[in-house]
C-alpha atoms as a PDB file:
ATOM      1  CA  MET A   1       8.221   7.318  12.751  1.00  0.00           C
ATOM      2  CA  ASP A   2       8.410  11.003  12.086  1.00  0.00           C
ATOM      3  CA  GLN A   3       5.040  12.538  11.352  1.00  0.00           C
ATOM      4  CA  THR A   4       4.860  14.796   8.331  1.00  0.00           C
ATOM      5  CA  ALA A   5       1.957  16.752   6.963  1.00  0.00           C
ATOM      6  CA  GLU A   6      -0.258  15.015   4.450  1.00  0.00           C
ATOM      7  CA  THR A   7       0.699  15.914   0.939  1.00  0.00           C
ATOM      8  CA  MET A   8      -1.949  17.788  -0.991  1.00  0.00           C
ATOM      9  CA  PRO A   9      -3.507  15.587  -3.660  1.00  0.00           C
ATOM     10  CA  ALA A  10      -3.047  16.543  -7.296  1.00  0.00           C
ATOM     11  CA  ASN A  11      -6.805  16.325  -7.885  1.00  0.00           C
ATOM     12  CA  GLU A  12     -10.116  15.265  -6.351  1.00  0.00           C
ATOM     13  CA  ARG A  13      -9.495  11.601  -7.240  1.00  0.00           C
ATOM     14  CA  GLU A  14      -6.234  11.244  -5.310  1.00  0.00           C
ATOM     15  CA  LEU A  15      -5.353  10.573  -1.664  1.00  0.00           C
ATOM     16  CA  VAL A  16      -1.753  10.956  -0.478  1.00  0.00           C
ATOM     17  CA  LEU A  17       0.017   9.899   2.697  1.00  0.00           C
ATOM     18  CA  THR A  18       3.667  10.833   3.372  1.00  0.00           C
ATOM     19  CA  ARG A  19       5.789   9.805   6.348  1.00  0.00           C
ATOM     20  CA  ILE A  20       9.471   9.700   7.244  1.00  0.00           C
ATOM     21  CA  LEU A  21      10.107   6.116   8.340  1.00  0.00           C
ATOM     22  CA  ASN A  22      13.047   4.782  10.325  1.00  0.00           C
ATOM     23  CA  ALA A  23      14.039   2.151   7.767  1.00  0.00           C
ATOM     24  CA  THR A  24      15.967   2.213   4.507  1.00  0.00           C
ATOM     25  CA  PRO A  25      14.299   2.050   1.090  1.00  0.00           C
ATOM     26  CA  ALA A  26      15.720  -1.481   0.680  1.00  0.00           C
ATOM     27  CA  GLN A  27      14.221  -2.615   4.000  1.00  0.00           C
ATOM     28  CA  LEU A  28      10.827  -1.122   3.150  1.00  0.00           C
ATOM     29  CA  PHE A  29      10.846  -2.579  -0.360  1.00  0.00           C
ATOM     30  CA  LYS A  30      11.644  -6.024   1.050  1.00  0.00           C
ATOM     31  CA  ALA A  31       8.808  -5.715   3.577  1.00  0.00           C
ATOM     32  CA  TRP A  32       6.469  -4.714   0.720  1.00  0.00           C
ATOM     33  CA  THR A  33       7.466  -7.590  -1.575  1.00  0.00           C
ATOM     34  CA  THR A  34       7.803 -10.560   0.808  1.00  0.00           C
ATOM     35  CA  PRO A  35       4.462 -12.270   1.605  1.00  0.00           C
ATOM     36  CA  GLU A  36       5.590 -13.527   5.029  1.00  0.00           C
ATOM     37  CA  LEU A  37       6.495  -9.971   6.013  1.00  0.00           C
ATOM     38  CA  MET A  38       3.396  -8.359   4.494  1.00  0.00           C
ATOM     39  CA  THR A  39       1.104 -10.534   6.630  1.00  0.00           C
ATOM     40  CA  GLN A  40       2.639  -8.814   9.672  1.00  0.00           C
ATOM     41  CA  TRP A  41       1.836  -5.209   8.736  1.00  0.00           C
ATOM     42  CA  PHE A  42      -0.448  -4.805   5.702  1.00  0.00           C
ATOM     43  CA  ALA A  43      -3.772  -4.273   7.542  1.00  0.00           C
ATOM     44  CA  PRO A  44      -4.335  -1.812  10.403  1.00  0.00           C
ATOM     45  CA  LYS A  45      -4.814  -3.736  13.646  1.00  0.00           C
ATOM     46  CA  PRO A  46      -7.192  -5.264  14.728  1.00  0.00           C
ATOM     47  CA  TYR A  47      -7.568  -6.244  11.056  1.00  0.00           C
ATOM     48  CA  GLU A  48      -5.204  -8.868   9.682  1.00  0.00           C
ATOM     49  CA  THR A  49      -3.953 -10.070   6.324  1.00  0.00           C
ATOM     50  CA  PRO A  50      -3.563 -13.843   6.564  1.00  0.00           C
ATOM     51  CA  VAL A  51      -3.135 -14.297   2.802  1.00  0.00           C
ATOM     52  CA  VAL A  52      -0.661 -12.390   0.637  1.00  0.00           C
ATOM     53  CA  GLU A  53       0.430 -13.403  -2.839  1.00  0.00           C
ATOM     54  CA  ILE A  54       2.833 -11.113  -4.650  1.00  0.00           C
ATOM     55  CA  GLU A  55       5.010 -11.530  -7.707  1.00  0.00           C
ATOM     56  CA  PRO A  56       7.315  -8.474  -7.458  1.00  0.00           C
ATOM     57  CA  ARG A  57       7.740  -7.816 -11.182  1.00  0.00           C
ATOM     58  CA  ASP A  58       5.992  -5.710 -13.795  1.00  0.00           C
ATOM     59  CA  GLY A  59       2.719  -7.529 -14.541  1.00  0.00           C
ATOM     60  CA  GLY A  60       3.008  -9.743 -11.452  1.00  0.00           C
ATOM     61  CA  LYS A  61       0.035 -10.865  -9.395  1.00  0.00           C
ATOM     62  CA  PHE A  62      -0.890  -8.978  -6.218  1.00  0.00           C
ATOM     63  CA  ARG A  63      -3.506 -10.569  -3.944  1.00  0.00           C
ATOM     64  CA  THR A  64      -4.424  -9.906  -0.335  1.00  0.00           C
ATOM     65  CA  VAL A  65      -7.129 -11.274   1.918  1.00  0.00           C
ATOM     66  CA  MET A  66      -8.031  -9.040   4.842  1.00  0.00           C
ATOM     67  CA  ARG A  67     -10.123 -10.065   7.841  1.00  0.00           C
ATOM     68  CA  GLY A  68     -11.388  -8.079  10.763  1.00  0.00           C
ATOM     69  CA  PRO A  69     -14.083  -7.383  13.334  1.00  0.00           C
ATOM     70  CA  ASN A  70     -17.768  -7.909  12.558  1.00  0.00           C
ATOM     71  CA  ASP A  71     -17.012 -10.657  10.021  1.00  0.00           C
ATOM     72  CA  PHE A  72     -15.136  -8.230   7.765  1.00  0.00           C
ATOM     73  CA  HIS A  73     -13.591 -10.091   4.824  1.00  0.00           C
ATOM     74  CA  MET A  74     -12.059  -8.595   1.694  1.00  0.00           C
ATOM     75  CA  ASP A  75     -10.308 -10.591  -1.003  1.00  0.00           C
ATOM     76  CA  SER A  76      -8.544  -8.258  -3.427  1.00  0.00           C
ATOM     77  CA  THR A  77      -6.672  -9.345  -6.526  1.00  0.00           C
ATOM     78  CA  GLY A  78      -4.759  -7.109  -8.877  1.00  0.00           C
ATOM     79  CA  VAL A  79      -1.526  -6.653 -10.749  1.00  0.00           C
ATOM     80  CA  LEU A  80       1.709  -4.825 -10.204  1.00  0.00           C
ATOM     81  CA  LEU A  81       2.022  -2.354 -13.045  1.00  0.00           C
ATOM     82  CA  LYS A  82       5.532  -1.134 -12.217  1.00  0.00           C
ATOM     83  CA  VAL A  83       8.223  -2.467  -9.903  1.00  0.00           C
ATOM     84  CA  GLU A  84      11.425  -0.469  -9.390  1.00  0.00           C
ATOM     85  CA  LYS A  85      13.531  -2.208  -6.741  1.00  0.00           C
ATOM     86  CA  ASP A  86      13.937  -0.116  -3.596  1.00  0.00           C
ATOM     87  CA  ARG A  87      12.243   2.881  -5.288  1.00  0.00           C
ATOM     88  CA  ARG A  88       8.631   2.374  -6.355  1.00  0.00           C
ATOM     89  CA  LEU A  89       5.682   0.011  -6.645  1.00  0.00           C
ATOM     90  CA  ILE A  90       2.522   0.680  -8.630  1.00  0.00           C
ATOM     91  CA  PHE A  91      -0.413  -1.718  -8.430  1.00  0.00           C
ATOM     92  CA  THR A  92      -4.083  -1.725  -9.320  1.00  0.00           C
ATOM     93  CA  ASP A  93      -7.228  -3.742  -8.759  1.00  0.00           C
ATOM     94  CA  ALA A  94      -8.427  -2.853 -12.278  1.00  0.00           C
ATOM     95  CA  PHE A  95      -6.940  -6.073 -13.646  1.00  0.00           C
ATOM     96  CA  GLY A  96      -6.739  -9.610 -12.328  1.00  0.00           C
ATOM     97  CA  PRO A  97      -4.640 -12.552 -13.437  1.00  0.00           C
ATOM     98  CA  ASP A  98      -3.825 -12.688 -17.144  1.00  0.00           C
ATOM     99  CA  TRP A  99      -4.753  -8.986 -17.456  1.00  0.00           C
ATOM    100  CA  LYS A 100      -8.477  -9.732 -17.273  1.00  0.00           C
ATOM    101  CA  PRO A 101     -10.397  -6.605 -16.232  1.00  0.00           C
ATOM    102  CA  THR A 102     -12.048  -6.861 -12.828  1.00  0.00           C
ATOM    103  CA  GLU A 103     -15.742  -6.093 -12.384  1.00  0.00           C
ATOM    104  CA  LYS A 104     -15.150  -2.730 -10.747  1.00  0.00           C
ATOM    105  CA  ALA A 105     -11.831  -0.985 -10.574  1.00  0.00           C
ATOM    106  CA  PHE A 106     -11.506   1.035  -7.370  1.00  0.00           C
ATOM    107  CA  PHE A 107      -7.989   2.480  -7.435  1.00  0.00           C
ATOM    108  CA  ALA A 108      -4.352   2.285  -8.423  1.00  0.00           C
ATOM    109  CA  ALA A 109      -1.695   2.786  -5.760  1.00  0.00           C
ATOM    110  CA  GLU A 110       1.798   4.162  -6.118  1.00  0.00           C
ATOM    111  CA  ILE A 111       4.219   3.538  -3.255  1.00  0.00           C
ATOM    112  CA  LEU A 112       7.416   5.602  -3.263  1.00  0.00           C
ATOM    113  CA  PHE A 113      10.572   4.977  -1.224  1.00  0.00           C
ATOM    114  CA  GLU A 114      12.897   8.003  -1.248  1.00  0.00           C
ATOM    115  CA  ASP A 115      16.165   7.870   0.701  1.00  0.00           C
ATOM    116  CA  ALA A 116      16.045  10.535   3.410  1.00  0.00           C
ATOM    117  CA  GLY A 117      19.536   9.846   4.789  1.00  0.00           C
ATOM    118  CA  ASN A 118      20.613   8.376   8.121  1.00  0.00           C
ATOM    119  CA  GLY A 119      18.758   5.111   7.513  1.00  0.00           C
ATOM    120  CA  LYS A 120      15.428   6.875   6.977  1.00  0.00           C
ATOM    121  CA  THR A 121      13.029   6.950   4.054  1.00  0.00           C
ATOM    122  CA  ARG A 122      10.457   9.419   2.830  1.00  0.00           C
ATOM    123  CA  TYR A 123       7.564   7.021   2.297  1.00  0.00           C
ATOM    124  CA  THR A 124       4.696   8.182   0.097  1.00  0.00           C
ATOM    125  CA  ALA A 125       1.531   6.221  -0.627  1.00  0.00           C
ATOM    126  CA  ILE A 126      -0.730   7.620  -3.343  1.00  0.00           C
ATOM    127  CA  ALA A 127      -4.187   6.185  -4.013  1.00  0.00           C
ATOM    128  CA  ARG A 128      -5.599   7.232  -7.380  1.00  0.00           C
ATOM    129  CA  HIS A 129      -9.269   6.551  -8.012  1.00  0.00           C
ATOM    130  CA  TRP A 130     -11.300   6.336 -11.203  1.00  0.00           C
ATOM    131  CA  THR A 131     -13.989   8.621  -9.805  1.00  0.00           C
ATOM    132  CA  ALA A 132     -14.185  11.450  -7.281  1.00  0.00           C
ATOM    133  CA  GLU A 133     -16.947   9.475  -5.539  1.00  0.00           C
ATOM    134  CA  ASP A 134     -14.659   6.465  -5.049  1.00  0.00           C
ATOM    135  CA  CYS A 135     -11.964   8.765  -3.705  1.00  0.00           C
ATOM    136  CA  GLN A 136     -14.384  10.321  -1.225  1.00  0.00           C
ATOM    137  CA  ALA A 137     -15.593   6.873  -0.176  1.00  0.00           C
ATOM    138  CA  HIS A 138     -11.994   5.736   0.397  1.00  0.00           C
ATOM    139  CA  GLU A 139     -11.311   8.828   2.485  1.00  0.00           C
ATOM    140  CA  LYS A 140     -14.478   8.214   4.559  1.00  0.00           C
ATOM    141  CA  MET A 141     -13.398   4.579   5.050  1.00  0.00           C
ATOM    142  CA  GLY A 142     -10.446   6.049   6.952  1.00  0.00           C
ATOM    143  CA  PHE A 143      -7.685   6.219   4.346  1.00  0.00           C
ATOM    144  CA  HIS A 144      -5.401   8.566   6.296  1.00  0.00           C
ATOM    145  CA  GLU A 145      -5.910   6.884   9.661  1.00  0.00           C
ATOM    146  CA  GLY A 146      -5.718   3.334   8.276  1.00  0.00           C
ATOM    147  CA  TRP A 147      -2.834   3.845   5.880  1.00  0.00           C
ATOM    148  CA  GLY A 148      -1.053   5.884   8.569  1.00  0.00           C
ATOM    149  CA  LYS A 149      -1.379   2.992  11.032  1.00  0.00           C
ATOM    150  CA  VAL A 150      -0.172   0.591   8.348  1.00  0.00           C
ATOM    151  CA  ALA A 151       2.883   2.815   7.744  1.00  0.00           C
ATOM    152  CA  GLU A 152       3.686   2.570  11.473  1.00  0.00           C
ATOM    153  CA  GLN A 153       3.345  -1.206  11.375  1.00  0.00           C
ATOM    154  CA  LEU A 154       5.451  -1.372   8.189  1.00  0.00           C
ATOM    155  CA  GLU A 155       8.182   0.667   9.876  1.00  0.00           C
ATOM    156  CA  VAL A 156       8.338  -1.747  12.837  1.00  0.00           C
ATOM    157  CA  VAL A 157       8.698  -4.788  10.567  1.00  0.00           C
ATOM    158  CA  ALA A 158      11.077  -3.205   8.041  1.00  0.00           C
ATOM    159  CA  SER A 159      13.408  -1.637  10.613  1.00  0.00           C
ATOM    160  CA  LYS A 160      14.260  -5.124  11.933  1.00  0.00           C
ATOM    161  CA  LEU A 161      15.425  -6.446   8.551  1.00  0.00           C
END
């Protein structure tokens, strides 16, 4: 993985991570939309994601269960707002199944796959939060470190497809 500088957020409610990954947009998209593949990379080790449910279509369900040290457990359900094959995914935890609002929306994520030539992809993950406080909390939780590690793990899985 080629390291690139973090992209400056558009505002105080946005976190952005950009990397050049050694995998094609199609490989990365497949790794992002196949549950069996997502369980291999979606959480930064030593955390794991034993449960992934994804319906890769506009309005499709997106659910992950993450587990980790110190009895960490997070069950997150949302919807895919936009799916553009091999180009972009947008999902949010603001809505659950059947478009029912969740109790507390935390963020919407946009994942971009831009062909960088030679089998590489400019991978951008944008986390947009409803409040500046939620954004700051996400950053303090280790957004850049965690999502950076996840990008590395994603690259390993996707490059083998």
